[in-house]
């Protein structure tokens, strides 16, 4: 599980911080882990919005500070028991 934690955010960390790139990075992170892209969006919505679905996430994230979003995701991942 620790290895999965280490692989979940690099796609977002490396992407250009604009809606299209963010929108492509989230499902790619799931595919890199042999998970469903849908599950990646569920996790992202849960961590960042407190719900499993909602409005298009990428345009919202693009308007926010990349560093803050990445730090929030890392904090959420640290809370998952090993």
Protein backbone atom coordinates (compact mmCIF):
# COMPACT_ATOMS: atom_id res chain seq x y z
CA UNK A 1 0.00 0.00 0.00
CA UNK A 2 2.86 2.43 0.73
CA UNK A 3 4.10 1.95 -2.82
CA UNK A 4 0.62 2.88 -4.12
CA UNK A 5 0.71 6.07 -2.05
CA UNK A 6 4.01 7.03 -3.63
CA UNK A 7 2.60 6.65 -7.15
CA UNK A 8 -0.72 8.41 -6.80
CA UNK A 9 0.32 12.07 -7.01
CA UNK A 10 3.28 12.23 -9.43
CA UNK A 11 0.98 12.63 -12.43
CA UNK A 12 -0.53 15.78 -10.92
CA UNK A 13 2.81 17.04 -9.66
CA UNK A 14 4.30 16.78 -13.15
CA UNK A 15 1.42 18.14 -15.18
CA UNK A 16 0.98 21.66 -16.45
CA UNK A 17 -1.51 23.26 -14.06
CA UNK A 18 -4.39 23.82 -16.46
CA UNK A 19 -7.75 22.07 -16.76
CA UNK A 20 -7.03 19.75 -19.70
CA UNK A 21 -3.73 18.48 -18.25
CA UNK A 22 -5.21 18.02 -14.79
CA UNK A 23 -8.20 16.22 -16.28
CA UNK A 24 -5.87 13.83 -18.11
CA UNK A 25 -3.54 13.31 -15.13
CA UNK A 26 -6.14 12.02 -12.70
CA UNK A 27 -7.25 9.00 -14.78
CA UNK A 28 -3.67 8.36 -15.93
CA UNK A 29 -2.59 8.03 -12.30
CA UNK A 30 -5.25 5.33 -11.88
CA UNK A 31 -4.20 3.51 -15.05
CA UNK A 32 -0.58 3.57 -13.86
CA UNK A 33 -1.76 1.65 -10.79
CA UNK A 34 -3.98 -0.72 -12.80
CA UNK A 35 -7.08 0.91 -11.32
CA UNK A 36 -10.19 2.26 -12.96
CA UNK A 37 -10.02 5.95 -13.95
CA UNK A 38 -13.45 6.29 -12.36
CA UNK A 39 -12.01 5.23 -9.01
CA UNK A 40 -9.34 7.94 -9.29
CA UNK A 41 -11.97 10.61 -9.75
CA UNK A 42 -13.94 9.24 -6.77
CA UNK A 43 -10.84 9.45 -4.61
CA UNK A 44 -9.97 12.93 -5.87
CA UNK A 45 -13.51 14.20 -5.22
CA UNK A 46 -13.54 12.63 -1.76
CA UNK A 47 -10.17 14.12 -0.81
CA UNK A 48 -10.67 17.55 -2.35
CA UNK A 49 -14.41 18.15 -2.27
CA UNK A 50 -15.69 15.84 0.49
CA UNK A 51 -18.01 13.97 -1.88
CA UNK A 52 -17.71 11.19 -4.48
CA UNK A 53 -18.89 13.28 -7.40
CA UNK A 54 -19.70 16.82 -8.33
CA UNK A 55 -18.94 19.46 -10.93
CA UNK A 56 -16.04 18.97 -13.31
CA UNK A 57 -13.04 18.80 -11.01
CA UNK A 58 -10.18 19.78 -13.33
CA UNK A 59 -11.38 23.34 -14.09
CA UNK A 60 -11.90 23.96 -10.38
CA UNK A 61 -8.43 22.68 -9.51
CA UNK A 62 -6.85 24.74 -12.28
CA UNK A 63 -8.08 27.87 -10.50
CA UNK A 64 -6.47 26.79 -7.22
CA UNK A 65 -2.83 26.74 -6.17
CA UNK A 66 -1.10 23.57 -7.38
CA UNK A 67 1.15 23.31 -4.31
CA UNK A 68 -1.82 23.51 -1.95
CA UNK A 69 -3.74 20.82 -3.82
CA UNK A 70 -0.74 18.47 -3.90
CA UNK A 71 -0.10 19.05 -0.19
CA UNK A 72 -3.75 18.31 0.59
CA UNK A 73 -3.61 15.06 -1.38
CA UNK A 74 -0.41 14.04 0.41
CA UNK A 75 -2.05 14.78 3.77
CA UNK A 76 -5.07 12.67 2.84
CA UNK A 77 -2.83 9.78 1.76
CA UNK A 78 -0.92 9.93 5.05
CA UNK A 79 -4.21 9.37 6.87
CA UNK A 80 -4.81 6.02 5.17
CA UNK A 81 -3.66 3.19 7.46
CA UNK A 82 -0.94 0.93 6.06
